[in-house]
Amino acid sequence: GPLLVTAALLALSSWRGAYAALLALEVLVVILWLGVRHRLPFTASRPPRAHARGFDGDAAGEGERRRGLLALGLAVFFFCTGLEMAVGSWAASFLSGSLGLSTSVAGLAVFGYFAGLTAGRLGAAGLGPRLSPESAVSLGALGSLAGSLALWWSRSSVITAIALVVVGVSLGPMFPALINLTPGRLGPRAAGDVIGWQLSAAGVGGAVVSALVGVVLQQS
């Protein structure tokens, strides 16, 4: 994505060309999906269980504690996804505007961020049981905080590009790890509903935090 947009900007000197290239790529994806969807095996979903709602342990007084965990978890999803979306949305504008980097360098740096995001998720999956979800979240939080501070503080293009990669690698495993922790923290009965709320909080956070970061960058 970032490399495609960068190439379109350099070749056509217009954002319209970049969006046209993305549209062509999305049309290609739709065509490929329509061509292979009948060949993919699908399994029928199970009917919902009658006792799917409610927190495990409500009768023992665990409900209130787990509702507190739910509220805290929703906030984590809100800000984690918000940071992930804000960096991806505004990094190019920040690099080319505030730091004065060229379009090609800014595009490569943003590509590094998304490459790091992908590598972080694939790497965490490859480690399997050697990296627990708790460790993935803790290390991701520390790494993303350090990378974000370096990104905001530094005016060096090299340090900024490295910071973007660090933020991407750190944020990569956090989202799936947080999802993985949900049944153990809030109970398997409520996990289905809770994960839906978490995804909703993530979507809202991606929109709200990105908008706020845009306002801050415009004023700075």
C-alpha atoms as a PDB file:
ATOM      1  CA  GLY A   1       0.000   0.000   0.000  1.00  0.00           C
ATOM      2  CA  PRO A   2       2.497   2.722   1.054  1.00  0.00           C
ATOM      3  CA  LEU A   3       4.930   1.724  -1.709  1.00  0.00           C
ATOM      4  CA  LEU A   4       2.133   1.785  -4.297  1.00  0.00           C
ATOM      5  CA  VAL A   5       0.961   5.238  -3.194  1.00  0.00           C
ATOM      6  CA  THR A   6       4.532   6.560  -3.115  1.00  0.00           C
ATOM      7  CA  ALA A   7       5.201   5.290  -6.634  1.00  0.00           C
ATOM      8  CA  ALA A   8       1.964   6.877  -7.896  1.00  0.00           C
ATOM      9  CA  LEU A   9       2.824  10.208  -6.278  1.00  0.00           C
ATOM     10  CA  LEU A  10       6.309  10.245  -7.753  1.00  0.00           C
ATOM     11  CA  ALA A  11       5.106   9.229 -11.212  1.00  0.00           C
ATOM     12  CA  LEU A  12       1.949  11.359 -11.450  1.00  0.00           C
ATOM     13  CA  SER A  13       2.625  14.135  -8.873  1.00  0.00           C
ATOM     14  CA  SER A  14      -0.982  13.913  -7.703  1.00  0.00           C
ATOM     15  CA  TRP A  15      -2.944  12.250  -4.917  1.00  0.00           C
ATOM     16  CA  ARG A  16      -5.626  11.355  -7.459  1.00  0.00           C
ATOM     17  CA  GLY A  17      -3.272   8.954  -9.164  1.00  0.00           C
ATOM     18  CA  ALA A  18      -2.457   7.331  -5.827  1.00  0.00           C
ATOM     19  CA  TYR A  19      -6.118   6.768  -5.008  1.00  0.00           C
ATOM     20  CA  ALA A  20      -6.764   5.495  -8.536  1.00  0.00           C
ATOM     21  CA  ALA A  21      -3.969   2.967  -8.057  1.00  0.00           C
ATOM     22  CA  LEU A  22      -5.473   1.824  -4.732  1.00  0.00           C
ATOM     23  CA  LEU A  23      -8.903   1.534  -6.354  1.00  0.00           C
ATOM     24  CA  ALA A  24      -7.439  -0.622  -9.111  1.00  0.00           C
ATOM     25  CA  LEU A  25      -5.792  -2.838  -6.489  1.00  0.00           C
ATOM     26  CA  GLU A  26      -9.064  -3.226  -4.571  1.00  0.00           C
ATOM     27  CA  VAL A  27     -10.925  -4.103  -7.786  1.00  0.00           C
ATOM     28  CA  LEU A  28      -8.269  -6.744  -8.469  1.00  0.00           C
ATOM     29  CA  VAL A  29      -8.770  -8.201  -4.984  1.00  0.00           C
ATOM     30  CA  VAL A  30     -12.539  -8.391  -5.536  1.00  0.00           C
ATOM     31  CA  ILE A  31     -12.062 -10.122  -8.891  1.00  0.00           C
ATOM     32  CA  LEU A  32      -9.672 -12.659  -7.358  1.00  0.00           C
ATOM     33  CA  TRP A  33     -12.079 -13.302  -4.479  1.00  0.00           C
ATOM     34  CA  LEU A  34     -14.997 -13.875  -6.822  1.00  0.00           C
ATOM     35  CA  GLY A  35     -12.843 -16.291  -8.776  1.00  0.00           C
ATOM     36  CA  VAL A  36     -11.801 -18.472  -5.823  1.00  0.00           C
ATOM     37  CA  ARG A  37     -14.624 -18.167  -3.307  1.00  0.00           C
ATOM     38  CA  HIS A  38     -16.440 -21.269  -4.600  1.00  0.00           C
ATOM     39  CA  ARG A  39     -13.299 -23.348  -4.124  1.00  0.00           C
ATOM     40  CA  LEU A  40     -12.804 -22.471  -0.469  1.00  0.00           C
ATOM     41  CA  PRO A  41     -14.161 -24.904   2.131  1.00  0.00           C
ATOM     42  CA  PHE A  42     -16.701 -23.389   4.489  1.00  0.00           C
ATOM     43  CA  THR A  43     -18.106 -24.995   7.618  1.00  0.00           C
ATOM     44  CA  ALA A  44     -21.519 -24.228   8.987  1.00  0.00           C
ATOM     45  CA  SER A  45     -21.440 -22.166  12.161  1.00  0.00           C
ATOM     46  CA  ARG A  46     -22.712 -23.696  15.340  1.00  0.00           C
ATOM     47  CA  PRO A  47     -26.038 -22.494  16.731  1.00  0.00           C
ATOM     48  CA  PRO A  48     -25.603 -20.151  19.695  1.00  0.00           C
ATOM     49  CA  ARG A  49     -25.815 -21.750  23.089  1.00  0.00           C
ATOM     50  CA  ALA A  50     -28.680 -20.734  25.331  1.00  0.00           C
ATOM     51  CA  HIS A  51     -26.334 -19.750  28.155  1.00  0.00           C
ATOM     52  CA  ALA A  52     -23.935 -17.700  26.006  1.00  0.00           C
ATOM     53  CA  ARG A  53     -24.548 -14.467  27.887  1.00  0.00           C
ATOM     54  CA  GLY A  54     -23.363 -13.360  31.269  1.00  0.00           C
ATOM     55  CA  PHE A  55     -20.044 -13.481  33.077  1.00  0.00           C
ATOM     56  CA  ASP A  56     -18.752 -16.692  34.545  1.00  0.00           C
ATOM     57  CA  GLY A  57     -18.824 -16.533  38.309  1.00  0.00           C
ATOM     58  CA  ASP A  58     -21.616 -13.948  38.625  1.00  0.00           C
ATOM     59  CA  ALA A  59     -23.204 -15.936  41.436  1.00  0.00           C
ATOM     60  CA  ALA A  60     -19.941 -15.916  43.386  1.00  0.00           C
ATOM     61  CA  GLY A  61     -19.523 -12.138  43.234  1.00  0.00           C
ATOM     62  CA  GLU A  62     -17.032 -12.210  40.384  1.00  0.00           C
ATOM     63  CA  GLY A  63     -19.321 -10.279  38.066  1.00  0.00           C
ATOM     64  CA  GLU A  64     -18.452  -6.802  39.354  1.00  0.00           C
ATOM     65  CA  ARG A  65     -14.720  -7.443  39.177  1.00  0.00           C
ATOM     66  CA  ARG A  66     -15.002  -8.746  35.654  1.00  0.00           C
ATOM     67  CA  ARG A  67     -17.123  -5.795  34.585  1.00  0.00           C
ATOM     68  CA  GLY A  68     -14.291  -3.581  35.775  1.00  0.00           C
ATOM     69  CA  LEU A  69     -11.870  -5.667  33.733  1.00  0.00           C
ATOM     70  CA  LEU A  70     -14.195  -5.316  30.760  1.00  0.00           C
ATOM     71  CA  ALA A  71     -14.223  -1.506  31.028  1.00  0.00           C
ATOM     72  CA  LEU A  72     -10.436  -1.401  31.347  1.00  0.00           C
ATOM     73  CA  GLY A  73     -10.065  -3.799  28.428  1.00  0.00           C
ATOM     74  CA  LEU A  74     -12.292  -1.690  26.203  1.00  0.00           C
ATOM     75  CA  ALA A  75     -10.135   1.347  26.989  1.00  0.00           C
ATOM     76  CA  VAL A  76      -7.017  -0.630  26.069  1.00  0.00           C
ATOM     77  CA  PHE A  77      -8.530  -1.650  22.729  1.00  0.00           C
ATOM     78  CA  PHE A  78      -9.630   1.948  22.135  1.00  0.00           C
ATOM     79  CA  PHE A  79      -6.173   3.444  22.614  1.00  0.00           C
ATOM     80  CA  CYS A  80      -4.146   0.547  21.187  1.00  0.00           C
ATOM     81  CA  THR A  81      -6.028   0.521  17.897  1.00  0.00           C
ATOM     82  CA  GLY A  82      -6.215   4.306  17.948  1.00  0.00           C
ATOM     83  CA  LEU A  83      -2.425   4.534  18.103  1.00  0.00           C
ATOM     84  CA  GLU A  84      -2.052   1.892  15.401  1.00  0.00           C
ATOM     85  CA  MET A  85      -4.419   3.732  13.046  1.00  0.00           C
ATOM     86  CA  ALA A  86      -3.127   7.218  13.879  1.00  0.00           C
ATOM     87  CA  VAL A  87       0.490   6.350  13.127  1.00  0.00           C
ATOM     88  CA  GLY A  88      -0.452   4.675   9.861  1.00  0.00           C
ATOM     89  CA  SER A  89      -2.729   7.552   8.825  1.00  0.00           C
ATOM     90  CA  TRP A  90      -0.579  10.554   9.757  1.00  0.00           C
ATOM     91  CA  ALA A  91       3.029   9.358   9.594  1.00  0.00           C
ATOM     92  CA  ALA A  92       3.473  10.399   5.958  1.00  0.00           C
ATOM     93  CA  SER A  93       2.027  13.884   6.581  1.00  0.00           C
ATOM     94  CA  PHE A  94       4.176  14.295   9.706  1.00  0.00           C
ATOM     95  CA  LEU A  95       7.360  13.209   7.939  1.00  0.00           C
ATOM     96  CA  SER A  96       6.848  15.280   4.811  1.00  0.00           C
ATOM     97  CA  GLY A  97       5.398  18.308   6.641  1.00  0.00           C
ATOM     98  CA  SER A  98       7.035  18.709  10.046  1.00  0.00           C
ATOM     99  CA  LEU A  99      10.342  17.042   9.146  1.00  0.00           C
ATOM    100  CA  GLY A 100      10.423  18.157   5.520  1.00  0.00           C
ATOM    101  CA  LEU A 101      11.317  14.740   4.143  1.00  0.00           C
ATOM    102  CA  SER A 102      10.803  13.947   0.486  1.00  0.00           C
ATOM    103  CA  THR A 103       7.777  11.975  -0.654  1.00  0.00           C
ATOM    104  CA  SER A 104       9.882   8.934  -1.475  1.00  0.00           C
ATOM    105  CA  VAL A 105      11.637   8.850   1.920  1.00  0.00           C
ATOM    106  CA  ALA A 106       8.360   9.407   3.798  1.00  0.00           C
ATOM    107  CA  GLY A 107       6.703   6.628   1.794  1.00  0.00           C
ATOM    108  CA  LEU A 108       9.521   4.200   2.544  1.00  0.00           C
ATOM    109  CA  ALA A 109       9.346   5.064   6.252  1.00  0.00           C
ATOM    110  CA  VAL A 110       5.592   4.401   6.344  1.00  0.00           C
ATOM    111  CA  PHE A 111       6.183   1.152   4.499  1.00  0.00           C
ATOM    112  CA  GLY A 112       8.653   0.267   7.269  1.00  0.00           C
ATOM    113  CA  TYR A 113       5.939   0.859   9.847  1.00  0.00           C
ATOM    114  CA  PHE A 114       3.413  -1.438   8.167  1.00  0.00           C
ATOM    115  CA  ALA A 115       6.122  -4.010   7.450  1.00  0.00           C
ATOM    116  CA  GLY A 116       7.025  -3.934  11.146  1.00  0.00           C
ATOM    117  CA  LEU A 117       3.355  -4.290  12.084  1.00  0.00           C
ATOM    118  CA  THR A 118       3.039  -7.370   9.887  1.00  0.00           C
ATOM    119  CA  ALA A 119       6.374  -8.814  11.020  1.00  0.00           C
ATOM    120  CA  GLY A 120       5.404  -8.352  14.674  1.00  0.00           C
ATOM    121  CA  ARG A 121       2.194 -10.319  14.261  1.00  0.00           C
ATOM    122  CA  LEU A 122       3.744 -13.065  12.189  1.00  0.00           C
ATOM    123  CA  GLY A 123       6.735 -13.276  14.520  1.00  0.00           C
ATOM    124  CA  ALA A 124       4.552 -13.600  17.600  1.00  0.00           C
ATOM    125  CA  ALA A 125       2.527 -16.326  15.891  1.00  0.00           C
ATOM    126  CA  GLY A 126       5.716 -18.117  14.915  1.00  0.00           C
ATOM    127  CA  LEU A 127       7.004 -18.102  18.473  1.00  0.00           C
ATOM    128  CA  GLY A 128       3.824 -19.831  19.627  1.00  0.00           C
ATOM    129  CA  PRO A 129       3.873 -20.911  23.288  1.00  0.00           C
ATOM    130  CA  ARG A 130       7.349 -19.448  23.788  1.00  0.00           C
ATOM    131  CA  LEU A 131       5.769 -15.988  23.875  1.00  0.00           C
ATOM    132  CA  SER A 132       2.762 -15.815  26.176  1.00  0.00           C
ATOM    133  CA  PRO A 133      -0.062 -13.356  25.406  1.00  0.00           C
ATOM    134  CA  GLU A 134       0.758 -11.500  28.645  1.00  0.00           C
ATOM    135  CA  SER A 135       4.375 -11.047  27.573  1.00  0.00           C
ATOM    136  CA  ALA A 136       3.326  -9.962  24.083  1.00  0.00           C
ATOM    137  CA  VAL A 137       1.074  -7.251  25.525  1.00  0.00           C
ATOM    138  CA  SER A 138       3.668  -6.068  28.079  1.00  0.00           C
ATOM    139  CA  LEU A 139       6.545  -5.941  25.603  1.00  0.00           C
ATOM    140  CA  GLY A 140       4.315  -4.363  22.972  1.00  0.00           C
ATOM    141  CA  ALA A 141       3.167  -1.630  25.332  1.00  0.00           C
ATOM    142  CA  LEU A 142       6.727  -0.767  26.385  1.00  0.00           C
ATOM    143  CA  GLY A 143       8.051  -0.866  22.828  1.00  0.00           C
ATOM    144  CA  SER A 144       5.242   1.233  21.380  1.00  0.00           C
ATOM    145  CA  LEU A 145       5.632   3.807  24.161  1.00  0.00           C
ATOM    146  CA  ALA A 146       9.383   4.087  23.580  1.00  0.00           C
ATOM    147  CA  GLY A 147       8.949   4.271  19.813  1.00  0.00           C
ATOM    148  CA  SER A 148       6.176   6.877  20.054  1.00  0.00           C
ATOM    149  CA  LEU A 149       8.280   9.091  22.331  1.00  0.00           C
ATOM    150  CA  ALA A 150      11.230   8.832  19.946  1.00  0.00           C
ATOM    151  CA  LEU A 151       8.947   9.558  17.003  1.00  0.00           C
ATOM    152  CA  TRP A 152       7.553  12.693  18.637  1.00  0.00           C
ATOM    153  CA  TRP A 153      10.852  13.961  20.080  1.00  0.00           C
ATOM    154  CA  SER A 154      13.355  13.265  17.309  1.00  0.00           C
ATOM    155  CA  ARG A 155      13.909  15.475  14.272  1.00  0.00           C
ATOM    156  CA  SER A 156      16.337  13.038  12.701  1.00  0.00           C
ATOM    157  CA  SER A 157      14.973  11.214   9.670  1.00  0.00           C
ATOM    158  CA  VAL A 158      16.968   8.076  10.505  1.00  0.00           C
ATOM    159  CA  ILE A 159      15.771   7.901  14.119  1.00  0.00           C
ATOM    160  CA  THR A 160      12.202   8.651  13.024  1.00  0.00           C
ATOM    161  CA  ALA A 161      12.235   5.817  10.481  1.00  0.00           C
ATOM    162  CA  ILE A 162      13.627   3.409  13.086  1.00  0.00           C
ATOM    163  CA  ALA A 163      11.040   4.590  15.628  1.00  0.00           C
ATOM    164  CA  LEU A 164       8.246   3.888  13.134  1.00  0.00           C
ATOM    165  CA  VAL A 165       9.476   0.332  12.653  1.00  0.00           C
ATOM    166  CA  VAL A 166       9.746  -0.136  16.445  1.00  0.00           C
ATOM    167  CA  VAL A 167       6.179   1.096  16.937  1.00  0.00           C
ATOM    168  CA  GLY A 168       4.939  -1.226  14.199  1.00  0.00           C
ATOM    169  CA  VAL A 169       6.738  -4.304  15.533  1.00  0.00           C
ATOM    170  CA  SER A 170       5.550  -3.525  19.076  1.00  0.00           C
ATOM    171  CA  LEU A 171       1.904  -2.951  18.186  1.00  0.00           C
ATOM    172  CA  GLY A 172       1.732  -5.952  15.850  1.00  0.00           C
ATOM    173  CA  PRO A 173       1.169  -8.750  18.390  1.00  0.00           C
ATOM    174  CA  MET A 174      -0.847  -6.707  20.894  1.00  0.00           C
ATOM    175  CA  PHE A 175      -4.280  -6.895  19.260  1.00  0.00           C
ATOM    176  CA  PRO A 176      -4.389 -10.676  18.755  1.00  0.00           C
ATOM    177  CA  ALA A 177      -2.804 -11.224  22.179  1.00  0.00           C
ATOM    178  CA  LEU A 178      -5.493  -9.106  23.859  1.00  0.00           C
ATOM    179  CA  ILE A 179      -8.196 -11.082  22.048  1.00  0.00           C
ATOM    180  CA  ASN A 180      -6.535 -14.306  23.161  1.00  0.00           C
ATOM    181  CA  LEU A 181      -6.598 -13.207  26.806  1.00  0.00           C
ATOM    182  CA  THR A 182     -10.325 -12.454  26.836  1.00  0.00           C
ATOM    183  CA  PRO A 183     -11.757 -15.937  27.608  1.00  0.00           C
ATOM    184  CA  GLY A 184      -9.346 -16.474  30.492  1.00  0.00           C
ATOM    185  CA  ARG A 185      -9.985 -13.078  32.071  1.00  0.00           C
ATOM    186  CA  LEU A 186     -13.729 -12.762  31.561  1.00  0.00           C
ATOM    187  CA  GLY A 187     -14.839 -16.364  31.151  1.00  0.00           C
ATOM    188  CA  PRO A 188     -15.587 -18.454  28.066  1.00  0.00           C
ATOM    189  CA  ARG A 189     -19.365 -17.914  28.344  1.00  0.00           C
ATOM    190  CA  ALA A 190     -19.063 -14.155  27.845  1.00  0.00           C
ATOM    191  CA  ALA A 191     -16.100 -14.210  25.464  1.00  0.00           C
ATOM    192  CA  GLY A 192     -18.192 -14.096  22.284  1.00  0.00           C
ATOM    193  CA  ASP A 193     -20.098 -10.973  23.309  1.00  0.00           C
ATOM    194  CA  VAL A 194     -17.102  -9.297  24.919  1.00  0.00           C
ATOM    195  CA  ILE A 195     -14.919  -9.711  21.839  1.00  0.00           C
ATOM    196  CA  GLY A 196     -17.646  -7.986  19.836  1.00  0.00           C
ATOM    197  CA  TRP A 197     -17.525  -5.033  22.264  1.00  0.00           C
ATOM    198  CA  GLN A 198     -13.745  -4.999  22.059  1.00  0.00           C
ATOM    199  CA  LEU A 199     -13.823  -4.822  18.271  1.00  0.00           C
ATOM    200  CA  SER A 200     -16.336  -1.983  18.490  1.00  0.00           C
ATOM    201  CA  ALA A 201     -14.100  -0.088  20.928  1.00  0.00           C
ATOM    202  CA  ALA A 202     -11.154  -0.667  18.591  1.00  0.00           C
ATOM    203  CA  GLY A 203     -13.093   0.759  15.641  1.00  0.00           C
ATOM    204  CA  VAL A 204     -14.159   3.846  17.582  1.00  0.00           C
ATOM    205  CA  GLY A 205     -10.628   4.340  18.885  1.00  0.00           C
ATOM    206  CA  GLY A 206      -9.174   4.110  15.401  1.00  0.00           C
ATOM    207  CA  ALA A 207     -11.469   6.917  14.226  1.00  0.00           C
ATOM    208  CA  VAL A 208     -11.346   9.180  17.299  1.00  0.00           C
ATOM    209  CA  VAL A 209      -7.631   8.999  18.094  1.00  0.00           C
ATOM    210  CA  SER A 210      -6.689   9.463  14.439  1.00  0.00           C
ATOM    211  CA  ALA A 211      -8.872  12.573  14.267  1.00  0.00           C
ATOM    212  CA  LEU A 212      -7.389  14.000  17.463  1.00  0.00           C
ATOM    213  CA  VAL A 213      -3.836  13.382  16.260  1.00  0.00           C
ATOM    214  CA  GLY A 214      -4.692  15.151  13.013  1.00  0.00           C
ATOM    215  CA  VAL A 215      -5.934  18.196  14.922  1.00  0.00           C
ATOM    216  CA  VAL A 216      -2.783  18.247  17.070  1.00  0.00           C
ATOM    217  CA  LEU A 217      -0.524  18.000  14.015  1.00  0.00           C
ATOM    218  CA  GLN A 218      -2.427  20.813  12.314  1.00  0.00           C
ATOM    219  CA  GLN A 219      -1.936  23.087  15.323  1.00  0.00           C
ATOM    220  CA  SER A 220       1.761  22.248  15.802  1.00  0.00           C
END
